[in-house]
Amino acid sequence: MNDTAHLDKGPELTVNAHREHEIKTLKVRVKELEFDCAELQKLNSELDDRVKKLANRPQKGYTPRRHVPNDQNGYKRKSIG
């Protein structure tokens, strides 16, 4: 009778072992994702500082040009003003 009682616990032990293994696997995955998230936050902070620095830098050498359309013969019109 004790043998049958022991055999009845077999599937229960297997299910518990499977759950424990799954929990350990998920904990490892969470730690990996937390580490990846921390790295991305650090990189984002560095890039944010760089963008702010570049945005505040004055631009050199750019002068917008006024478009002067051509007339029917292909000559440029004289700009007014």
PDB file of N, CA and C in Angstrom:
ATOM      1  N   MET A   1       0.802  -1.183   0.000  1.00  0.00           N
ATOM      2  CA  MET A   1       0.000   0.000   0.000  1.00  0.00           C
ATOM      3  C   MET A   1       0.859   1.266   0.000  1.00  0.00           C
ATOM      4  N   ASN A   2       1.983   1.215   0.689  1.00  0.00           N
ATOM      5  CA  ASN A   2       2.891   2.348   0.679  1.00  0.00           C
ATOM      6  C   ASN A   2       3.484   2.569  -0.707  1.00  0.00           C
ATOM      7  N   ASP A   3       3.683   1.492  -1.450  1.00  0.00           N
ATOM      8  CA  ASP A   3       4.239   1.621  -2.795  1.00  0.00           C
ATOM      9  C   ASP A   3       3.294   2.383  -3.715  1.00  0.00           C
ATOM     10  N   THR A   4       2.010   2.116  -3.623  1.00  0.00           N
ATOM     11  CA  THR A   4       1.054   2.828  -4.478  1.00  0.00           C
ATOM     12  C   THR A   4       0.938   4.286  -4.072  1.00  0.00           C
ATOM     13  N   ALA A   5       1.035   4.574  -2.790  1.00  0.00           N
ATOM     14  CA  ALA A   5       0.984   5.963  -2.334  1.00  0.00           C
ATOM     15  C   ALA A   5       2.195   6.721  -2.873  1.00  0.00           C
ATOM     16  N   HIS A   6       3.346   6.072  -2.889  1.00  0.00           N
ATOM     17  CA  HIS A   6       4.552   6.711  -3.418  1.00  0.00           C
ATOM     18  C   HIS A   6       4.420   6.953  -4.918  1.00  0.00           C
ATOM     19  N   LEU A   7       3.837   6.014  -5.635  1.00  0.00           N
ATOM     20  CA  LEU A   7       3.674   6.174  -7.071  1.00  0.00           C
ATOM     21  C   LEU A   7       2.666   7.261  -7.406  1.00  0.00           C
ATOM     22  N   ASP A   8       1.697   7.470  -6.551  1.00  0.00           N
ATOM     23  CA  ASP A   8       0.708   8.514  -6.796  1.00  0.00           C
ATOM     24  C   ASP A   8       1.339   9.906  -6.743  1.00  0.00           C
ATOM     25  N   LYS A   9       2.407  10.080  -6.011  1.00  0.00           N
ATOM     26  CA  LYS A   9       3.061  11.383  -5.897  1.00  0.00           C
ATOM     27  C   LYS A   9       4.006  11.671  -7.075  1.00  0.00           C
ATOM     28  N   GLY A  10       4.249  10.696  -7.923  1.00  0.00           N
ATOM     29  CA  GLY A  10       5.177  10.862  -9.044  1.00  0.00           C
ATOM     30  C   GLY A  10       4.830  12.012  -9.977  1.00  0.00           C
ATOM     31  N   PRO A  11       3.636  12.047 -10.533  1.00  0.00           N
ATOM     32  CA  PRO A  11       3.292  13.154 -11.433  1.00  0.00           C
ATOM     33  C   PRO A  11       3.286  14.498 -10.716  1.00  0.00           C
ATOM     34  N   GLU A  12       2.901  14.478  -9.433  1.00  0.00           N
ATOM     35  CA  GLU A  12       2.884  15.717  -8.666  1.00  0.00           C
ATOM     36  C   GLU A  12       4.295  16.270  -8.501  1.00  0.00           C
ATOM     37  N   LEU A  13       5.243  15.378  -8.220  1.00  0.00           N
ATOM     38  CA  LEU A  13       6.637  15.807  -8.087  1.00  0.00           C
ATOM     39  C   LEU A  13       7.180  16.317  -9.414  1.00  0.00           C
ATOM     40  N   THR A  14       6.796  15.671 -10.497  1.00  0.00           N
ATOM     41  CA  THR A  14       7.254  16.097 -11.820  1.00  0.00           C
ATOM     42  C   THR A  14       6.741  17.491 -12.148  1.00  0.00           C
ATOM     43  N   VAL A  15       5.484  17.741 -11.847  1.00  0.00           N
ATOM     44  CA  VAL A  15       4.896  19.059 -12.108  1.00  0.00           C
ATOM     45  C   VAL A  15       5.592  20.120 -11.265  1.00  0.00           C
ATOM     46  N   ASN A  16       5.840  19.826  -9.993  1.00  0.00           N
ATOM     47  CA  ASN A  16       6.522  20.788  -9.123  1.00  0.00           C
ATOM     48  C   ASN A  16       7.950  21.049  -9.604  1.00  0.00           C
ATOM     49  N   ALA A  17       8.636  20.016 -10.011  1.00  0.00           N
ATOM     50  CA  ALA A  17       9.999  20.184 -10.516  1.00  0.00           C
ATOM     51  C   ALA A  17       9.998  21.029 -11.783  1.00  0.00           C
ATOM     52  N   HIS A  18       9.021  20.788 -12.630  1.00  0.00           N
ATOM     53  CA  HIS A  18       8.910  21.576 -13.867  1.00  0.00           C
ATOM     54  C   HIS A  18       8.651  23.047 -13.541  1.00  0.00           C
ATOM     55  N   ARG A  19       7.775  23.312 -12.575  1.00  0.00           N
ATOM     56  CA  ARG A  19       7.479  24.700 -12.184  1.00  0.00           C
ATOM     57  C   ARG A  19       8.712  25.372 -11.601  1.00  0.00           C
ATOM     58  N   GLU A  20       9.447  24.666 -10.770  1.00  0.00           N
ATOM     59  CA  GLU A  20      10.664  25.240 -10.185  1.00  0.00           C
ATOM     60  C   GLU A  20      11.683  25.573 -11.261  1.00  0.00           C
ATOM     61  N   HIS A  21      11.836  24.681 -12.218  1.00  0.00           N
ATOM     62  CA  HIS A  21      12.770  24.947 -13.317  1.00  0.00           C
ATOM     63  C   HIS A  21      12.312  26.151 -14.138  1.00  0.00           C
ATOM     64  N   GLU A  22      11.019  26.245 -14.387  1.00  0.00           N
ATOM     65  CA  GLU A  22      10.478  27.365 -15.154  1.00  0.00           C
ATOM     66  C   GLU A  22      10.683  28.679 -14.400  1.00  0.00           C
ATOM     67  N   ILE A  23      10.487  28.664 -13.100  1.00  0.00           N
ATOM     68  CA  ILE A  23      10.679  29.866 -12.280  1.00  0.00           C
ATOM     69  C   ILE A  23      12.139  30.305 -12.319  1.00  0.00           C
ATOM     70  N   LYS A  24      13.063  29.360 -12.198  1.00  0.00           N
ATOM     71  CA  LYS A  24      14.493  29.705 -12.255  1.00  0.00           C
ATOM     72  C   LYS A  24      14.850  30.296 -13.616  1.00  0.00           C
ATOM     73  N   THR A  25      14.327  29.693 -14.681  1.00  0.00           N
ATOM     74  CA  THR A  25      14.590  30.186 -16.032  1.00  0.00           C
ATOM     75  C   THR A  25      14.052  31.603 -16.202  1.00  0.00           C
ATOM     76  N   LEU A  26      12.855  31.852 -15.701  1.00  0.00           N
ATOM     77  CA  LEU A  26      12.259  33.184 -15.820  1.00  0.00           C
ATOM     78  C   LEU A  26      13.017  34.220 -15.002  1.00  0.00           C
ATOM     79  N   LYS A  27      13.529  33.826 -13.834  1.00  0.00           N
ATOM     80  CA  LYS A  27      14.316  34.763 -13.027  1.00  0.00           C
ATOM     81  C   LYS A  27      15.598  35.166 -13.741  1.00  0.00           C
ATOM     82  N   VAL A  28      16.241  34.197 -14.390  1.00  0.00           N
ATOM     83  CA  VAL A  28      17.457  34.492 -15.161  1.00  0.00           C
ATOM     84  C   VAL A  28      17.125  35.451 -16.302  1.00  0.00           C
ATOM     85  N   ARG A  29      16.006  35.203 -16.976  1.00  0.00           N
ATOM     86  CA  ARG A  29      15.597  36.056 -18.106  1.00  0.00           C
ATOM     87  C   ARG A  29      15.297  37.475 -17.642  1.00  0.00           C
ATOM     88  N   VAL A  30      14.647  37.606 -16.490  1.00  0.00           N
ATOM     89  CA  VAL A  30      14.344  38.936 -15.941  1.00  0.00           C
ATOM     90  C   VAL A  30      15.633  39.690 -15.633  1.00  0.00           C
ATOM     91  N   LYS A  31      16.624  38.999 -15.051  1.00  0.00           N
ATOM     92  CA  LYS A  31      17.903  39.660 -14.758  1.00  0.00           C
ATOM     93  C   LYS A  31      18.587  40.127 -16.038  1.00  0.00           C
ATOM     94  N   GLU A  32      18.539  39.310 -17.086  1.00  0.00           N
ATOM     95  CA  GLU A  32      19.124  39.705 -18.369  1.00  0.00           C
ATOM     96  C   GLU A  32      18.422  40.939 -18.929  1.00  0.00           C
ATOM     97  N   LEU A  33      17.105  40.952 -18.863  1.00  0.00           N
ATOM     98  CA  LEU A  33      16.350  42.091 -19.386  1.00  0.00           C
ATOM     99  C   LEU A  33      16.581  43.350 -18.563  1.00  0.00           C
ATOM    100  N   GLU A  34      16.715  43.215 -17.246  1.00  0.00           N
ATOM    101  CA  GLU A  34      17.013  44.375 -16.407  1.00  0.00           C
ATOM    102  C   GLU A  34      18.383  44.944 -16.751  1.00  0.00           C
ATOM    103  N   PHE A  35      19.356  44.077 -17.010  1.00  0.00           N
ATOM    104  CA  PHE A  35      20.695  44.537 -17.387  1.00  0.00           C
ATOM    105  C   PHE A  35      20.652  45.252 -18.735  1.00  0.00           C
ATOM    106  N   ASP A  36      19.942  44.663 -19.713  1.00  0.00           N
ATOM    107  CA  ASP A  36      19.806  45.298 -21.025  1.00  0.00           C
ATOM    108  C   ASP A  36      19.121  46.653 -20.915  1.00  0.00           C
ATOM    109  N   CYS A  37      18.100  46.729 -20.076  1.00  0.00           N
ATOM    110  CA  CYS A  37      17.385  47.987 -19.874  1.00  0.00           C
ATOM    111  C   CYS A  37      18.310  49.048 -19.275  1.00  0.00           C
ATOM    112  N   ALA A  38      19.124  48.671 -18.313  1.00  0.00           N
ATOM    113  CA  ALA A  38      20.058  49.613 -17.692  1.00  0.00           C
ATOM    114  C   ALA A  38      21.074  50.115 -18.713  1.00  0.00           C
ATOM    115  N   GLU A  39      21.574  49.228 -19.561  1.00  0.00           N
ATOM    116  CA  GLU A  39      22.516  49.648 -20.601  1.00  0.00           C
ATOM    117  C   GLU A  39      21.861  50.623 -21.571  1.00  0.00           C
ATOM    118  N   LEU A  40      20.629  50.348 -21.964  1.00  0.00           N
ATOM    119  CA  LEU A  40      19.923  51.236 -22.889  1.00  0.00           C
ATOM    120  C   LEU A  40      19.646  52.596 -22.261  1.00  0.00           C
ATOM    121  N   GLN A  41      19.325  52.623 -20.980  1.00  0.00           N
ATOM    122  CA  GLN A  41      19.101  53.900 -20.310  1.00  0.00           C
ATOM    123  C   GLN A  41      20.384  54.727 -20.260  1.00  0.00           C
ATOM    124  N   LYS A  42      21.505  54.071 -20.008  1.00  0.00           N
ATOM    125  CA  LYS A  42      22.796  54.769 -19.972  1.00  0.00           C
ATOM    126  C   LYS A  42      23.132  55.329 -21.351  1.00  0.00           C
ATOM    127  N   LEU A  43      22.965  54.504 -22.382  1.00  0.00           N
ATOM    128  CA  LEU A  43      23.242  54.951 -23.748  1.00  0.00           C
ATOM    129  C   LEU A  43      22.321  56.088 -24.140  1.00  0.00           C
ATOM    130  N   ASN A  44      21.048  55.997 -23.775  1.00  0.00           N
ATOM    131  CA  ASN A  44      20.093  57.044 -24.096  1.00  0.00           C
ATOM    132  C   ASN A  44      20.493  58.360 -23.436  1.00  0.00           C
ATOM    133  N   SER A  45      20.949  58.300 -22.209  1.00  0.00           N
ATOM    134  CA  SER A  45      21.378  59.499 -21.496  1.00  0.00           C
ATOM    135  C   SER A  45      22.590  60.138 -22.185  1.00  0.00           C
ATOM    136  N   GLU A  46      23.542  59.307 -22.588  1.00  0.00           N
ATOM    137  CA  GLU A  46      24.726  59.821 -23.281  1.00  0.00           C
ATOM    138  C   GLU A  46      24.354  60.463 -24.608  1.00  0.00           C
ATOM    139  N   LEU A  47      23.479  59.813 -25.357  1.00  0.00           N
ATOM    140  CA  LEU A  47      23.076  60.358 -26.648  1.00  0.00           C
ATOM    141  C   LEU A  47      22.237  61.620 -26.478  1.00  0.00           C
ATOM    142  N   ASP A  48      21.426  61.683 -25.436  1.00  0.00           N
ATOM    143  CA  ASP A  48      20.626  62.870 -25.165  1.00  0.00           C
ATOM    144  C   ASP A  48      21.525  64.065 -24.901  1.00  0.00           C
ATOM    145  N   ASP A  49      22.577  63.862 -24.103  1.00  0.00           N
ATOM    146  CA  ASP A  49      23.536  64.937 -23.839  1.00  0.00           C
ATOM    147  C   ASP A  49      24.228  65.378 -25.124  1.00  0.00           C
ATOM    148  N   ARG A  50      24.576  64.430 -25.972  1.00  0.00           N
ATOM    149  CA  ARG A  50      25.256  64.759 -27.229  1.00  0.00           C
ATOM    150  C   ARG A  50      24.342  65.543 -28.165  1.00  0.00           C
ATOM    151  N   VAL A  51      23.074  65.153 -28.241  1.00  0.00           N
ATOM    152  CA  VAL A  51      22.118  65.859 -29.102  1.00  0.00           C
ATOM    153  C   VAL A  51      21.934  67.293 -28.622  1.00  0.00           C
ATOM    154  N   LYS A  52      21.826  67.473 -27.301  1.00  0.00           N
ATOM    155  CA  LYS A  52      21.680  68.827 -26.763  1.00  0.00           C
ATOM    156  C   LYS A  52      22.896  69.674 -27.100  1.00  0.00           C
ATOM    157  N   LYS A  53      24.077  69.091 -26.997  1.00  0.00           N
ATOM    158  CA  LYS A  53      25.314  69.821 -27.299  1.00  0.00           C
ATOM    159  C   LYS A  53      25.358  70.206 -28.779  1.00  0.00           C
ATOM    160  N   LEU A  54      24.990  69.269 -29.646  1.00  0.00           N
ATOM    161  CA  LEU A  54      25.005  69.564 -31.081  1.00  0.00           C
ATOM    162  C   LEU A  54      23.918  70.556 -31.474  1.00  0.00           C
ATOM    163  N   ALA A  55      22.783  70.513 -30.806  1.00  0.00           N
ATOM    164  CA  ALA A  55      21.684  71.418 -31.137  1.00  0.00           C
ATOM    165  C   ALA A  55      22.027  72.861 -30.767  1.00  0.00           C
ATOM    166  N   ASN A  56      22.835  73.046 -29.748  1.00  0.00           N
ATOM    167  CA  ASN A  56      23.190  74.398 -29.311  1.00  0.00           C
ATOM    168  C   ASN A  56      24.405  74.961 -30.034  1.00  0.00           C
ATOM    169  N   ARG A  57      25.053  74.155 -30.847  1.00  0.00           N
ATOM    170  CA  ARG A  57      26.229  74.601 -31.577  1.00  0.00           C
ATOM    171  C   ARG A  57      25.796  75.448 -32.773  1.00  0.00           C
ATOM    172  N   PRO A  58      26.431  76.606 -32.986  1.00  0.00           N
ATOM    173  CA  PRO A  58      26.047  77.430 -34.135  1.00  0.00           C
ATOM    174  C   PRO A  58      26.468  76.765 -35.449  1.00  0.00           C
ATOM    175  N   GLN A  59      25.642  76.950 -36.460  1.00  0.00           N
ATOM    176  CA  GLN A  59      25.951  76.380 -37.774  1.00  0.00           C
ATOM    177  C   GLN A  59      26.844  77.344 -38.542  1.00  0.00           C
ATOM    178  N   LYS A  60      27.802  76.775 -39.265  1.00  0.00           N
ATOM    179  CA  LYS A  60      28.733  77.600 -40.036  1.00  0.00           C
ATOM    180  C   LYS A  60      28.581  77.292 -41.515  1.00  0.00           C
ATOM    181  N   GLY A  61      28.695  78.310 -42.331  1.00  0.00           N
ATOM    182  CA  GLY A  61      28.766  78.116 -43.767  1.00  0.00           C
ATOM    183  C   GLY A  61      27.439  77.931 -44.479  1.00  0.00           C
ATOM    184  N   TYR A  62      26.338  78.048 -43.799  1.00  0.00           N
ATOM    185  CA  TYR A  62      25.059  77.877 -44.465  1.00  0.00           C
ATOM    186  C   TYR A  62      24.419  79.232 -44.671  1.00  0.00           C
ATOM    187  N   THR A  63      24.152  79.564 -45.927  1.00  0.00           N
ATOM    188  CA  THR A  63      23.412  80.785 -46.228  1.00  0.00           C
ATOM    189  C   THR A  63      22.272  80.420 -47.164  1.00  0.00           C
ATOM    190  N   PRO A  64      21.060  80.635 -46.738  1.00  0.00           N
ATOM    191  CA  PRO A  64      19.935  80.302 -47.610  1.00  0.00           C
ATOM    192  C   PRO A  64      19.927  81.188 -48.842  1.00  0.00           C
ATOM    193  N   ARG A  65      19.606  80.633 -49.975  1.00  0.00           N
ATOM    194  CA  ARG A  65      19.590  81.379 -51.233  1.00  0.00           C
ATOM    195  C   ARG A  65      18.154  81.596 -51.675  1.00  0.00           C
ATOM    196  N   ARG A  66      17.941  82.743 -52.256  1.00  0.00           N
ATOM    197  CA  ARG A  66      16.617  83.072 -52.761  1.00  0.00           C
ATOM    198  C   ARG A  66      16.476  82.499 -54.156  1.00  0.00           C
ATOM    199  N   HIS A  67      15.391  81.822 -54.409  1.00  0.00           N
ATOM    200  CA  HIS A  67      15.157  81.222 -55.720  1.00  0.00           C
ATOM    201  C   HIS A  67      14.672  82.286 -56.691  1.00  0.00           C
ATOM    202  N   VAL A  68      15.380  82.415 -57.820  1.00  0.00           N
ATOM    203  CA  VAL A  68      14.981  83.346 -58.870  1.00  0.00           C
ATOM    204  C   VAL A  68      14.564  82.508 -60.074  1.00  0.00           C
ATOM    205  N   PRO A  69      13.282  82.488 -60.424  1.00  0.00           N
ATOM    206  CA  PRO A  69      12.830  81.649 -61.543  1.00  0.00           C
ATOM    207  C   PRO A  69      13.277  82.197 -62.893  1.00  0.00           C
ATOM    208  N   ASN A  70      13.379  81.313 -63.872  1.00  0.00           N
ATOM    209  CA  ASN A  70      13.738  81.699 -65.240  1.00  0.00           C
ATOM    210  C   ASN A  70      12.486  82.154 -65.992  1.00  0.00           C
ATOM    211  N   ASP A  71      12.707  83.037 -66.978  1.00  0.00           N
ATOM    212  CA  ASP A  71      11.571  83.428 -67.818  1.00  0.00           C
ATOM    213  C   ASP A  71      11.418  82.416 -68.958  1.00  0.00           C
ATOM    214  N   GLN A  72      10.592  82.687 -69.933  1.00  0.00           N
ATOM    215  CA  GLN A  72      10.299  81.720 -70.994  1.00  0.00           C
ATOM    216  C   GLN A  72      11.515  81.412 -71.863  1.00  0.00           C
ATOM    217  N   ASN A  73      12.452  82.344 -72.009  1.00  0.00           N
ATOM    218  CA  ASN A  73      13.626  82.144 -72.852  1.00  0.00           C
ATOM    219  C   ASN A  73      14.795  81.510 -72.104  1.00  0.00           C
ATOM    220  N   GLY A  74      14.636  81.249 -70.815  1.00  0.00           N
ATOM    221  CA  GLY A  74      15.691  80.609 -70.057  1.00  0.00           C
ATOM    222  C   GLY A  74      16.604  81.573 -69.340  1.00  0.00           C
ATOM    223  N   TYR A  75      16.323  82.881 -69.465  1.00  0.00           N
ATOM    224  CA  TYR A  75      17.153  83.865 -68.767  1.00  0.00           C
ATOM    225  C   TYR A  75      16.633  84.076 -67.354  1.00  0.00           C
ATOM    226  N   LYS A  76      17.565  84.331 -66.479  1.00  0.00           N
ATOM    227  CA  LYS A  76      17.147  84.597 -65.111  1.00  0.00           C
ATOM    228  C   LYS A  76      16.618  86.021 -65.017  1.00  0.00           C
ATOM    229  N   ARG A  77      15.556  86.137 -64.292  1.00  0.00           N
ATOM    230  CA  ARG A  77      14.990  87.457 -64.072  1.00  0.00           C
ATOM    231  C   ARG A  77      15.820  88.183 -63.026  1.00  0.00           C
ATOM    232  N   LYS A  78      15.795  89.470 -63.084  1.00  0.00           N
ATOM    233  CA  LYS A  78      16.481  90.245 -62.060  1.00  0.00           C
ATOM    234  C   LYS A  78      15.639  90.220 -60.813  1.00  0.00           C
ATOM    235  N   SER A  79      16.317  89.944 -59.696  1.00  0.00           N
ATOM    236  CA  SER A  79      15.573  89.900 -58.451  1.00  0.00           C
ATOM    237  C   SER A  79      15.242  91.309 -57.998  1.00  0.00           C
ATOM    238  N   ILE A  80      14.114  91.423 -57.368  1.00  0.00           N
ATOM    239  CA  ILE A  80      13.667  92.718 -56.868  1.00  0.00           C
ATOM    240  C   ILE A  80      13.959  92.735 -55.374  1.00  0.00           C
ATOM    241  N   GLY A  81      14.674  93.733 -54.943  1.00  0.00           N
ATOM    242  CA  GLY A  81      14.913  93.923 -53.510  1.00  0.00           C
ATOM    243  C   GLY A  81      16.042  93.233 -53.037  1.00  0.00           C
TER     244      GLY A  81
END
